[in-house]
Protein backbone atom coordinates (compact mmCIF):
# COMPACT_ATOMS: atom_id res chain seq x y z
CA MET A 1 -20.18 4.29 -4.85
CA ALA A 2 -18.15 7.29 -5.66
CA ILE A 3 -16.00 9.40 -3.46
CA ASP A 4 -18.03 11.96 -1.69
CA ALA A 5 -17.70 14.45 0.99
CA THR A 6 -19.74 17.29 2.25
CA GLY A 7 -18.36 20.53 1.10
CA VAL A 8 -17.33 23.54 3.35
CA GLN A 9 -16.19 27.01 2.21
CA ASN A 10 -12.49 27.69 2.06
CA SER A 11 -12.15 31.41 2.88
CA ALA A 12 -8.70 31.62 1.57
CA THR A 13 -9.79 30.47 -1.83
CA GLY A 14 -13.58 31.00 -1.91
CA ARG A 15 -13.99 27.32 -3.12
CA ASP A 16 -15.65 24.65 -1.64
CA VAL A 17 -13.20 22.22 0.20
CA PRO A 18 -14.46 18.57 1.17
CA LEU A 19 -15.22 17.91 4.70
CA TYR A 20 -14.90 14.19 5.17
CA LYS A 21 -16.37 12.04 7.90
CA MET A 22 -15.54 9.18 10.33
CA ILE A 23 -17.37 5.95 10.31
CA ILE A 24 -18.94 4.94 13.70
CA ASP A 25 -21.54 2.32 14.10
CA GLY A 26 -22.30 2.17 10.33
CA ARG A 27 -22.70 6.00 10.09
CA GLU A 28 -20.73 8.79 8.83
CA VAL A 29 -19.94 11.26 11.69
CA ASP A 30 -18.02 14.29 12.52
CA ALA A 31 -15.77 14.50 15.60
CA ALA A 32 -17.85 14.98 18.93
CA SER A 33 -15.86 18.09 19.39
CA GLY A 34 -16.63 19.42 15.79
CA GLU A 35 -12.94 20.15 15.38
CA THR A 36 -11.19 19.19 12.09
CA LEU A 37 -7.52 18.63 10.77
CA ASP A 38 -6.51 20.07 7.37
CA VAL A 39 -5.48 17.47 4.99
CA TYR A 40 -2.90 18.63 2.10
CA ASN A 41 -1.54 17.52 -1.13
CA PRO A 42 2.17 17.07 -0.45
CA ALA A 43 3.08 17.87 -4.05
CA THR A 44 1.34 21.31 -4.22
CA GLY A 45 0.85 22.34 -0.59
CA LYS A 46 -2.90 22.93 -1.49
CA LEU A 47 -5.62 22.02 0.99
CA LEU A 48 -7.46 18.79 -0.12
CA GLY A 49 -10.16 18.69 2.46
CA ARG A 50 -10.97 18.68 6.19
CA ALA A 51 -10.94 15.46 8.13
CA PRO A 52 -12.55 15.07 11.77
CA LYS A 53 -10.18 15.56 14.64
CA GLY A 54 -11.48 12.73 16.79
CA GLY A 55 -10.64 12.32 20.46
CA ALA A 56 -11.27 10.13 23.19
CA VAL A 57 -15.01 10.57 23.24
CA ASP A 58 -15.16 9.23 19.52
CA VAL A 59 -12.74 6.41 20.52
CA GLU A 60 -15.19 5.36 23.20
CA ALA A 61 -18.18 5.30 20.74
CA ALA A 62 -16.41 3.38 18.38
CA VAL A 63 -14.83 0.93 20.79
CA ARG A 64 -18.31 0.21 22.19
CA SER A 65 -19.73 -0.09 18.83
CA SER A 66 -17.09 -2.70 17.72
CA ARG A 67 -17.61 -4.56 21.15
CA ALA A 68 -21.36 -4.57 20.69
CA ALA A 69 -20.89 -6.07 17.29
CA PHE A 70 -18.38 -8.69 18.37
CA ASP A 71 -20.47 -9.74 21.36
CA SER A 72 -23.61 -9.92 19.34
CA GLY A 73 -21.94 -12.41 16.77
CA SER A 74 -23.19 -10.47 13.73
CA TRP A 75 -19.70 -11.15 12.32
CA SER A 76 -17.74 -13.33 14.70
CA ARG A 77 -20.37 -16.13 14.55
CA MET A 78 -21.39 -15.53 10.86
CA SER A 79 -20.47 -18.64 8.60
CA ALA A 80 -16.71 -18.75 7.45
CA MET A 81 -18.46 -18.75 3.82
CA GLN A 82 -20.41 -15.98 4.50
CA ARG A 83 -17.50 -13.95 5.83
CA SER A 84 -15.49 -14.90 3.07
CA ALA A 85 -18.10 -13.95 0.38
CA THR A 86 -18.27 -10.41 1.92
CA ILE A 87 -14.55 -10.02 2.10
CA TYR A 88 -14.46 -10.96 -1.54
CA LYS A 89 -16.95 -8.47 -2.33
CA MET A 90 -14.84 -5.67 -0.74
CA ALA A 91 -12.05 -6.83 -3.04
CA ASP A 92 -14.15 -6.52 -5.97
CA ILE A 93 -15.43 -2.94 -5.07
CA ILE A 94 -11.90 -1.97 -4.53
CA GLU A 95 -10.77 -3.35 -7.92
CA ALA A 96 -13.72 -1.70 -9.92
CA ARG A 97 -12.55 1.72 -8.27
CA ARG A 98 -8.90 1.25 -9.04
CA GLU A 99 -8.24 4.56 -10.84
CA GLU A 100 -10.44 6.71 -8.44
CA LEU A 101 -8.72 5.22 -5.32
CA ALA A 102 -5.29 5.65 -6.85
CA LEU A 103 -5.80 9.24 -7.80
CA LEU A 104 -7.07 9.84 -4.27
CA GLU A 105 -4.09 8.04 -2.65
CA THR A 106 -1.41 9.95 -4.93
CA ARG A 107 -3.12 13.34 -4.17
CA ASN A 108 -3.10 12.44 -0.57
CA ALA A 109 0.38 10.80 -0.05
CA GLY A 110 2.40 12.47 -2.78
CA LYS A 111 3.54 9.07 -4.54
CA THR A 112 3.51 8.54 -8.30
CA LEU A 113 0.35 7.46 -9.82
CA ALA A 114 2.11 4.39 -10.85
CA ASP A 115 2.99 3.46 -7.34
CA ALA A 116 -0.59 4.24 -6.04
CA ARG A 117 -2.03 1.90 -8.74
CA GLY A 118 0.20 -0.75 -7.45
CA ASP A 119 -0.92 -0.14 -3.86
CA VAL A 120 -4.45 -0.54 -4.99
CA ASP A 121 -3.75 -3.78 -6.94
CA TYR A 122 -1.78 -5.21 -3.86
CA THR A 123 -4.92 -4.02 -1.74
CA VAL A 124 -7.29 -6.00 -3.82
CA GLU A 125 -4.95 -9.15 -3.61
CA THR A 126 -4.69 -8.89 0.14
CA PHE A 127 -8.44 -8.83 0.51
CA ARG A 128 -8.79 -11.76 -1.85
CA TYR A 129 -5.98 -13.82 -0.18
CA PHE A 130 -7.82 -13.54 3.34
CA ALA A 131 -11.23 -13.99 1.85
CA GLY A 132 -9.74 -17.42 0.46
CA ALA A 133 -8.26 -18.02 3.94
CA THR A 134 -11.49 -17.48 5.94
CA PRO A 135 -12.90 -20.84 5.49
CA ARG A 136 -9.60 -22.59 6.20
CA ILE A 137 -9.32 -21.46 9.77
CA LEU A 138 -8.72 -25.02 11.28
CA GLY A 139 -8.24 -26.60 14.60
CA ASP A 140 -6.52 -29.77 15.43
CA THR A 141 -7.48 -32.99 16.84
CA ILE A 142 -4.91 -34.07 19.44
CA PRO A 143 -4.31 -37.80 20.39
CA VAL A 144 -3.97 -38.11 24.17
CA ARG A 145 -5.64 -40.97 26.30
CA PRO A 146 -7.78 -43.21 24.32
CA ASP A 147 -10.85 -42.19 26.56
CA PHE A 148 -10.58 -38.43 25.69
CA LEU A 149 -11.36 -36.44 22.55
CA THR A 150 -9.23 -33.47 22.51
CA TYR A 151 -9.15 -30.82 19.94
CA THR A 152 -8.55 -27.16 19.74
CA LEU A 153 -10.49 -24.16 18.20
CA GLN A 154 -9.23 -21.09 16.66
CA GLU A 155 -11.27 -18.29 17.94
CA PRO A 156 -11.15 -14.34 17.05
CA VAL A 157 -9.27 -12.23 19.49
CA GLY A 158 -11.95 -9.74 19.73
CA VAL A 159 -11.88 -6.08 19.29
CA CYS A 160 -8.77 -4.78 17.53
CA GLY A 161 -7.35 -1.28 17.30
CA LEU A 162 -5.65 -1.03 13.98
CA ILE A 163 -3.14 1.97 13.62
CA VAL A 164 -1.65 2.44 10.01
CA PRO A 165 0.90 4.88 8.76
CA TRP A 166 1.08 7.64 6.07
CA ASN A 167 3.34 6.03 3.60
CA TYR A 168 0.99 3.18 2.32
CA PRO A 169 -2.42 4.35 3.69
CA LEU A 170 -4.70 2.08 2.05
CA LEU A 171 -2.57 -1.04 1.49
CA MET A 172 -1.26 -0.92 5.18
CA ALA A 173 -4.89 -0.79 6.28
CA ALA A 174 -5.66 -3.67 4.15
CA TRP A 175 -2.72 -5.68 5.75
CA LYS A 176 -4.63 -5.27 9.05
CA VAL A 177 -8.35 -5.09 8.26
CA ALA A 178 -8.34 -8.24 5.81
CA PRO A 179 -6.93 -10.73 8.38
CA ALA A 180 -8.77 -9.19 11.22
CA LEU A 181 -12.19 -9.57 9.35
CA ALA A 182 -11.18 -13.04 8.07
CA ALA A 183 -10.56 -14.22 11.73
CA GLY A 184 -14.00 -12.76 12.90
CA CYS A 185 -12.66 -9.78 14.69
CA THR A 186 -14.14 -6.39 14.74
CA ALA A 187 -11.82 -3.30 14.60
CA VAL A 188 -11.43 0.39 15.23
CA LEU A 189 -9.18 1.77 12.37
CA LYS A 190 -7.12 4.77 12.88
CA PRO A 191 -5.45 6.48 9.82
CA ALA A 192 -2.49 8.66 9.97
CA SER A 193 -3.32 12.36 10.28
CA TYR A 194 -1.61 13.18 7.06
CA THR A 195 -3.30 10.60 4.93
CA PRO A 196 -6.81 9.67 6.19
CA LEU A 197 -8.88 9.88 2.82
CA SER A 198 -8.27 6.49 1.33
CA VAL A 199 -8.97 4.81 4.57
CA PHE A 200 -12.33 6.55 5.06
CA GLU A 201 -13.01 5.24 1.62
CA LEU A 202 -12.32 1.70 2.73
CA GLY A 203 -14.47 1.90 5.82
CA LYS A 204 -17.41 2.84 3.38
CA ILE A 205 -16.46 0.05 1.14
CA ALA A 206 -16.79 -2.47 3.93
CA LEU A 207 -20.41 -1.45 4.64
CA GLU A 208 -21.17 -1.40 0.91
CA ALA A 209 -20.03 -4.94 0.76
CA GLY A 210 -22.15 -6.11 3.66
CA VAL A 211 -20.06 -5.91 6.69
CA PRO A 212 -22.33 -5.21 9.69
CA GLU A 213 -22.60 -2.01 11.36
CA GLY A 214 -19.95 -1.62 14.07
CA VAL A 215 -17.60 -4.41 12.70
CA LEU A 216 -15.36 -1.81 11.19
CA ASN A 217 -15.30 1.72 12.58
CA VAL A 218 -12.85 4.35 11.39
CA VAL A 219 -11.69 7.24 13.69
CA SER A 220 -9.21 9.85 12.62
CA GLY A 221 -7.26 12.21 14.68
CA PRO A 222 -3.87 12.67 16.38
CA GLY A 223 -1.97 9.58 17.69
CA SER A 224 -1.51 11.50 21.13
CA THR A 225 -5.06 11.54 21.74
CA VAL A 226 -6.98 8.77 19.42
CA GLY A 227 -4.08 6.39 19.38
CA GLU A 228 -3.51 6.59 23.09
CA ALA A 229 -7.25 6.24 23.82
CA LEU A 230 -7.23 3.19 21.57
CA VAL A 231 -4.21 1.48 22.89
CA ASN A 232 -5.38 2.12 26.74
CA HIS A 233 -8.98 1.25 26.33
CA PRO A 234 -9.89 -1.68 28.18
CA LEU A 235 -12.51 -3.14 25.76
CA VAL A 236 -9.77 -3.38 23.03
CA ASP A 237 -8.36 -6.86 23.01
CA LYS A 238 -5.44 -6.33 20.31
CA ILE A 239 -3.41 -3.66 18.75
CA ALA A 240 -1.76 -3.82 15.42
CA PHE A 241 0.64 -0.92 14.75
CA THR A 242 2.59 0.02 11.71
CA GLY A 243 5.01 3.04 12.14
CA GLU A 244 8.25 4.22 13.58
CA THR A 245 9.93 2.28 16.52
CA TYR A 246 9.69 4.85 19.29
CA THR A 247 5.87 5.00 18.94
CA GLY A 248 5.94 1.03 18.91
CA GLN A 249 8.05 1.10 22.05
CA HIS A 250 5.39 3.39 23.79
CA ILE A 251 2.52 1.33 22.33
CA LEU A 252 4.08 -1.98 23.70
CA ALA A 253 4.75 -0.45 27.15
CA SER A 254 1.08 0.82 27.43
CA ALA A 255 -0.57 -2.39 26.23
CA ALA A 256 1.60 -4.35 28.68
CA ARG A 257 -0.40 -2.94 31.46
CA GLN A 258 -3.63 -4.75 30.23
CA ILE A 259 -1.64 -7.73 28.67
CA LYS A 260 -3.16 -6.89 25.21
CA LYS A 261 -1.96 -8.70 22.15
CA VAL A 262 0.34 -6.74 20.05
CA THR A 263 1.56 -6.95 16.80
CA LEU A 264 4.22 -4.17 15.68
CA GLU A 265 5.58 -3.62 12.23
CA LEU A 266 8.33 -0.94 13.02
CA GLY A 267 11.36 0.47 11.26
CA GLY A 268 14.27 -0.74 9.41
CA LYS A 269 17.78 0.17 8.03
CA ASN A 270 17.81 -2.62 5.52
CA ALA A 271 21.07 -3.83 3.59
CA ASN A 272 21.38 -4.26 -0.15
CA ILE A 273 24.51 -6.66 -0.31
CA VAL A 274 26.36 -6.90 -3.42
CA PHE A 275 29.00 -9.55 -4.00
CA GLU A 276 31.69 -9.49 -6.68
CA ASP A 277 30.05 -12.69 -8.40
CA ALA A 278 26.81 -10.90 -8.70
CA ASP A 279 24.89 -9.52 -12.06
CA LEU A 280 26.01 -5.99 -11.37
CA ASP A 281 23.75 -4.47 -13.98
CA ALA A 282 20.56 -6.10 -12.21
CA ALA A 283 21.83 -5.09 -8.74
CA VAL A 284 22.09 -1.49 -9.94
CA ARG A 285 18.68 -1.31 -11.55
CA VAL A 286 16.95 -2.94 -8.61
CA GLY A 287 18.95 -1.20 -6.14
CA ILE A 288 17.73 2.15 -7.46
CA SER A 289 14.20 1.24 -7.03
CA ALA A 290 14.74 -0.65 -3.76
CA ILE A 291 15.67 2.90 -1.91
CA TYR A 292 14.00 5.45 -4.00
CA ALA A 293 10.50 3.97 -4.70
CA ASN A 294 7.95 5.85 -2.52
CA ASN A 295 10.67 8.57 -2.03
CA GLY A 296 12.44 6.03 0.25
CA GLN A 297 9.41 6.43 2.72
CA ALA A 298 9.23 2.82 3.43
CA CYS A 299 10.35 0.43 6.34
CA GLY A 300 11.44 -1.93 3.68
CA ALA A 301 13.53 0.56 1.87
CA ARG A 302 17.15 -0.58 1.12
CA ALA A 303 18.76 2.30 2.76
CA ARG A 304 22.24 0.85 3.12
CA ILE A 305 24.28 -0.73 -0.10
CA LEU A 306 27.29 -2.75 0.86
CA VAL A 307 29.31 -3.55 -2.10
CA GLN A 308 32.27 -5.96 -2.25
CA ALA A 309 35.44 -3.82 -2.46
CA SER A 310 36.58 -5.48 -5.61
CA VAL A 311 33.57 -4.31 -7.69
CA TYR A 312 32.57 -1.28 -5.63
CA ASP A 313 33.93 1.53 -7.90
CA ARG A 314 32.04 -0.21 -10.91
CA PHE A 315 28.91 -0.39 -8.94
CA VAL A 316 29.10 3.29 -7.71
CA GLU A 317 29.60 4.68 -11.23
CA ASP A 318 26.77 2.92 -12.78
CA PHE A 319 24.53 3.72 -9.78
CA THR A 320 25.45 7.25 -9.75
CA ARG A 321 25.05 7.64 -13.52
CA ARG A 322 21.38 6.04 -13.67
CA SER A 323 20.26 7.45 -10.35
CA SER A 324 21.13 11.08 -11.42
CA GLY A 325 18.67 10.82 -14.37
CA LEU A 326 15.76 10.00 -12.14
CA ARG A 327 12.69 12.17 -12.91
CA VAL A 328 11.53 14.17 -9.90
CA GLY A 329 8.12 16.13 -10.14
CA ASP A 330 4.44 15.93 -10.38
CA PRO A 331 3.16 12.56 -8.90
CA LEU A 332 0.29 12.63 -11.53
CA ASP A 333 2.68 13.06 -14.63
CA PRO A 334 3.20 9.64 -16.00
CA GLU A 335 6.98 10.39 -16.82
CA THR A 336 7.56 11.18 -13.09
CA GLN A 337 9.48 8.67 -11.05
CA ILE A 338 10.00 10.33 -7.88
CA GLY A 339 7.09 12.06 -6.27
CA ALA A 340 6.73 14.24 -3.40
CA MET A 341 7.55 13.55 0.29
CA ILE A 342 4.81 13.57 2.85
CA SER A 343 5.56 16.93 4.76
CA GLN A 344 8.07 19.72 4.88
CA GLY A 345 9.44 18.11 8.14
CA GLN A 346 10.47 14.86 6.14
CA VAL A 347 12.43 17.14 3.64
CA GLU A 348 14.21 18.86 6.43
CA ARG A 349 15.14 15.49 8.08
CA ALA A 350 16.58 14.25 4.82
CA GLU A 351 18.56 17.58 4.68
CA GLU A 352 19.63 17.26 8.09
CA TYR A 353 21.14 13.70 7.65
CA VAL A 354 22.81 14.61 4.54
CA GLY A 355 24.76 17.42 6.61
CA LEU A 356 25.32 14.69 9.45
CA GLY A 357 26.79 12.37 6.86
CA THR A 358 29.21 14.96 5.24
CA ALA A 359 30.15 16.03 9.02
CA GLU A 360 30.96 12.36 9.86
CA GLY A 361 33.19 12.06 6.90
CA GLY A 362 31.02 10.98 4.17
CA ARG A 363 31.04 12.02 0.62
CA VAL A 364 27.81 12.97 -1.25
CA LEU A 365 28.05 11.07 -4.76
CA PHE A 366 24.81 12.78 -6.20
CA GLY A 367 21.64 14.60 -5.07
CA GLY A 368 21.99 16.34 -1.42
CA ARG A 369 19.56 19.16 -2.52
CA ARG A 370 16.12 20.11 -3.26
CA PRO A 371 15.30 19.96 -6.93
CA VAL A 372 14.43 22.86 -9.19
CA LEU A 373 11.04 22.00 -10.73
CA ASP A 374 9.68 23.61 -13.90
CA LYS A 375 5.95 23.70 -12.76
CA ALA A 376 4.98 26.76 -10.74
CA GLU A 377 2.19 24.69 -8.80
CA LEU A 378 4.86 22.37 -7.32
CA ALA A 379 6.66 25.41 -5.73
CA ALA A 380 5.08 24.86 -2.46
CA GLY A 381 5.41 21.02 -2.60
CA HIS A 382 7.82 18.83 -0.44
CA PHE A 383 10.52 17.47 -2.80
CA TYR A 384 13.94 16.14 -2.32
CA SER A 385 16.30 14.76 -4.87
CA PRO A 386 17.47 11.06 -4.80
CA THR A 387 20.69 11.20 -2.71
CA ALA A 388 23.70 8.82 -2.06
CA ILE A 389 26.27 9.32 0.49
CA GLU A 390 29.60 7.28 0.55
CA MET A 391 30.03 6.50 4.09
CA PRO A 392 33.37 4.85 5.20
CA ASP A 393 32.17 4.86 8.88
CA HIS A 394 29.45 1.89 9.31
CA SER A 395 28.84 3.12 12.81
CA SER A 396 27.74 6.73 11.66
CA LYS A 397 24.18 7.73 12.18
CA VAL A 398 23.65 7.91 8.41
CA MET A 399 24.46 4.24 8.15
CA GLN A 400 22.63 3.40 11.60
CA ASP A 401 19.55 5.58 11.81
CA GLU A 402 16.25 5.35 9.71
CA ILE A 403 16.14 8.33 7.58
CA PHE A 404 12.81 7.62 5.79
CA GLY A 405 13.52 9.74 2.66
CA PRO A 406 15.51 9.31 -0.62
CA VAL A 407 18.84 9.02 1.00
CA VAL A 408 20.93 5.87 0.53
CA ALA A 409 24.27 5.33 2.32
CA VAL A 410 26.96 3.25 0.40
CA GLY A 411 29.90 1.50 1.77
CA THR A 412 32.32 -1.41 1.18
CA PHE A 413 33.15 -4.98 2.73
CA LYS A 414 35.95 -7.24 2.14
CA ASP A 415 34.52 -10.65 2.51
CA GLU A 416 31.34 -12.78 3.41
CA ASP A 417 32.17 -12.45 7.24
CA GLU A 418 32.29 -8.69 7.18
CA ALA A 419 29.15 -8.42 5.03
CA VAL A 420 27.33 -10.30 7.71
CA ARG A 421 28.78 -8.48 10.45
CA LEU A 422 27.89 -4.98 8.87
CA THR A 423 24.34 -6.07 7.84
CA ASN A 424 23.67 -7.20 11.40
CA GLY A 425 25.38 -4.28 12.76
CA THR A 426 22.13 -2.32 13.38
CA ARG A 427 19.28 -2.24 16.03
CA TYR A 428 16.77 -3.29 13.12
CA GLY A 429 16.19 -6.51 11.50
CA LEU A 430 13.49 -6.12 9.01
CA LEU A 431 14.67 -7.14 5.56
CA ALA A 432 17.87 -7.66 3.43
CA THR A 433 18.66 -8.21 -0.28
CA VAL A 434 21.71 -10.25 -1.34
CA TRP A 435 23.10 -10.32 -4.94
CA THR A 436 25.15 -13.25 -5.65
CA ASN A 437 25.29 -16.32 -7.85
CA ASP A 438 26.87 -18.62 -5.37
CA LEU A 439 24.02 -21.07 -4.34
CA ARG A 440 25.89 -22.23 -1.38
CA ARG A 441 26.64 -18.70 -0.09
CA ALA A 442 23.13 -17.64 -0.53
CA HIS A 443 21.93 -20.63 1.77
CA ARG A 444 24.70 -19.65 4.34
CA LEU A 445 23.74 -16.10 4.40
CA ALA A 446 19.79 -16.91 4.67
CA ARG A 447 20.74 -18.35 8.08
CA ARG A 448 23.37 -15.87 9.19
CA ILE A 449 21.66 -12.48 8.56
CA LYS A 450 19.42 -11.52 11.31
CA ALA A 451 16.37 -10.24 9.59
CA GLY A 452 12.64 -11.24 9.06
CA GLY A 453 13.12 -11.40 5.33
CA VAL A 454 16.20 -12.18 3.28
CA TRP A 455 15.79 -11.83 -0.45
CA PHE A 456 18.18 -12.98 -3.14
CA ASN A 457 18.65 -11.40 -6.59
CA THR A 458 15.18 -9.72 -6.83
CA GLU A 459 13.28 -6.66 -6.39
CA VAL A 460 10.55 -8.56 -4.31
CA ASN A 461 10.11 -7.39 -0.84
CA PHE A 462 7.11 -9.64 0.18
CA PHE A 463 4.37 -11.80 -1.05
CA THR A 464 0.88 -11.84 0.19
CA GLU A 465 1.13 -15.43 0.78
CA ALA A 466 4.26 -15.25 3.00
CA PRO A 467 5.01 -13.58 6.45
CA PHE A 468 6.37 -10.19 6.78
CA GLY A 469 7.88 -8.76 9.90
CA GLY A 470 11.09 -8.14 11.58
CA TYR A 471 13.84 -9.04 14.31
CA GLY A 472 15.02 -6.64 16.93
CA GLN A 473 13.44 -3.24 17.10
CA SER A 474 11.94 -3.84 13.60
CA GLY A 475 8.94 -5.33 15.46
CA LEU A 476 6.93 -8.12 16.97
CA GLY A 477 4.76 -10.58 15.13
CA ARG A 478 4.06 -11.04 11.42
CA GLU A 479 1.72 -9.81 8.88
CA LEU A 480 0.40 -11.59 5.51
CA GLY A 481 0.18 -15.09 5.02
CA PRO A 482 -1.10 -17.70 7.35
CA HIS A 483 1.27 -16.26 10.07
CA GLY A 484 -0.49 -12.95 9.64
CA LEU A 485 -3.93 -14.52 10.18
CA ASP A 486 -2.76 -16.16 13.38
CA GLN A 487 -2.15 -12.82 15.09
CA TYR A 488 -6.01 -12.25 14.96
CA ALA A 489 -6.99 -15.69 16.51
CA GLN A 490 -6.50 -17.30 19.68
CA THR A 491 -6.27 -21.06 20.46
CA LYS A 492 -8.64 -22.84 22.77
CA VAL A 493 -8.24 -26.55 23.77
CA VAL A 494 -11.51 -28.76 24.29
CA GLY A 495 -11.23 -32.03 26.16
CA ILE A 496 -14.20 -34.39 26.30
CA ASN A 497 -13.97 -37.43 28.56
CA LEU A 498 -15.41 -40.28 26.65
CA GLY A 499 -15.13 -42.77 29.67
CA GLU A 500 -15.93 -42.81 33.30
CA ALA A 501 -15.18 -39.81 35.60
CA GLY A 502 -12.32 -40.36 37.98
CA ASN A 503 -12.37 -40.26 41.90
CA PRO A 504 -9.06 -38.53 42.56
CA PHE A 505 -9.79 -37.84 46.25
CA ASN A 506 -11.47 -41.44 46.91
CA VAL A 507 -14.65 -39.68 48.12
């Protein structure tokens, strides 16, 4: 199934512009209002197409479709092996369309084609993992009294509202859709307004693979209308959201009024901690990708580098030398290492924080500007040079706030205790990376660092088989692995009396 959309005339260029569709109850539809949102290529500023600007009416239709599909049992009561086979088929279709989907993701999100291919590969892996997990959703037999058989059932939560961000549109959708489908849930999926295109394709792929109508609906539109309606709808049993912390706080407060289950994967200000005994060459190489991959637009970006004072100068010199040579430009060029940021607003945010950093006593080590690019077609694109700021004040906004761009704050520490204090000294607690060859120190820090994931001497942020999530204002619940599947199930206890019934009131 090739990517397709109805063409509408673009009066500015005279060319056809694709008009994309939402998916409700197995059909591709426009917004009930007929309104659309323009979708742009961040690297060129050119119009890619138009997406439906959904609203409360569209959410109502999608939720009722998902509720009817759940209550009918067309998916929730399908055998685990059948559900598994269908999810495997989704993975196969995505894999077969790897290049096509990667190209779409690059054009819509501004990331390099290499990064987009990696996202598609991880998407395939995610669907295959949860397809394999589907027949292994097990209950327990619990020994209580000899005359009772007591066991648990793992049942699907119900209708899920899945809200995904713009930085990894397809992959973050997979992290939610795959476990929801594996558990037997139905879902309404809301893509970010900037990047709905690959998510529309995922909805069509689900139908092609044999997921019944209504099981996965896709509704695009602003968070202020579509997101609000989804979070507050009484027929939605669970919300799963990935995005910034303030929106997550609002979602949590709204969901609390109806006691909905909520999973939140929110922001981070993750530390990259380098001890004097580390392999400095490796720490520099991986430290560069840990902040500048996807232009720093990742909750897992290591946006603080904390280096032991004794090796600080050596580290900073090498980090600066290598980072200054990174190639910024056309995301479709295989030589490009840093693509476009999602919007002009994100570029301005990076600029604002660089200005704040210098005002707070920081020193720009490199970058701190918009790059000069040699392709005229990129003149209207959203680019910012990889930047590092030396920040002596660890309480500064550049050290504390999530910038979500290619800006890293660099500072020093004296010893292990100070490294722990500085690492834990933010409101976030998503991830940390530690560089050390001291095995005992590694095990100590694994316990002392307050984060959902602590990784040693590696570029890895996550494995599909292992849980991902944060402490503090980095979120609630976990995604991926068995822990991620648990978020879409609820436990029921069943007790069967095998003996005589009692007579408590002696009646």
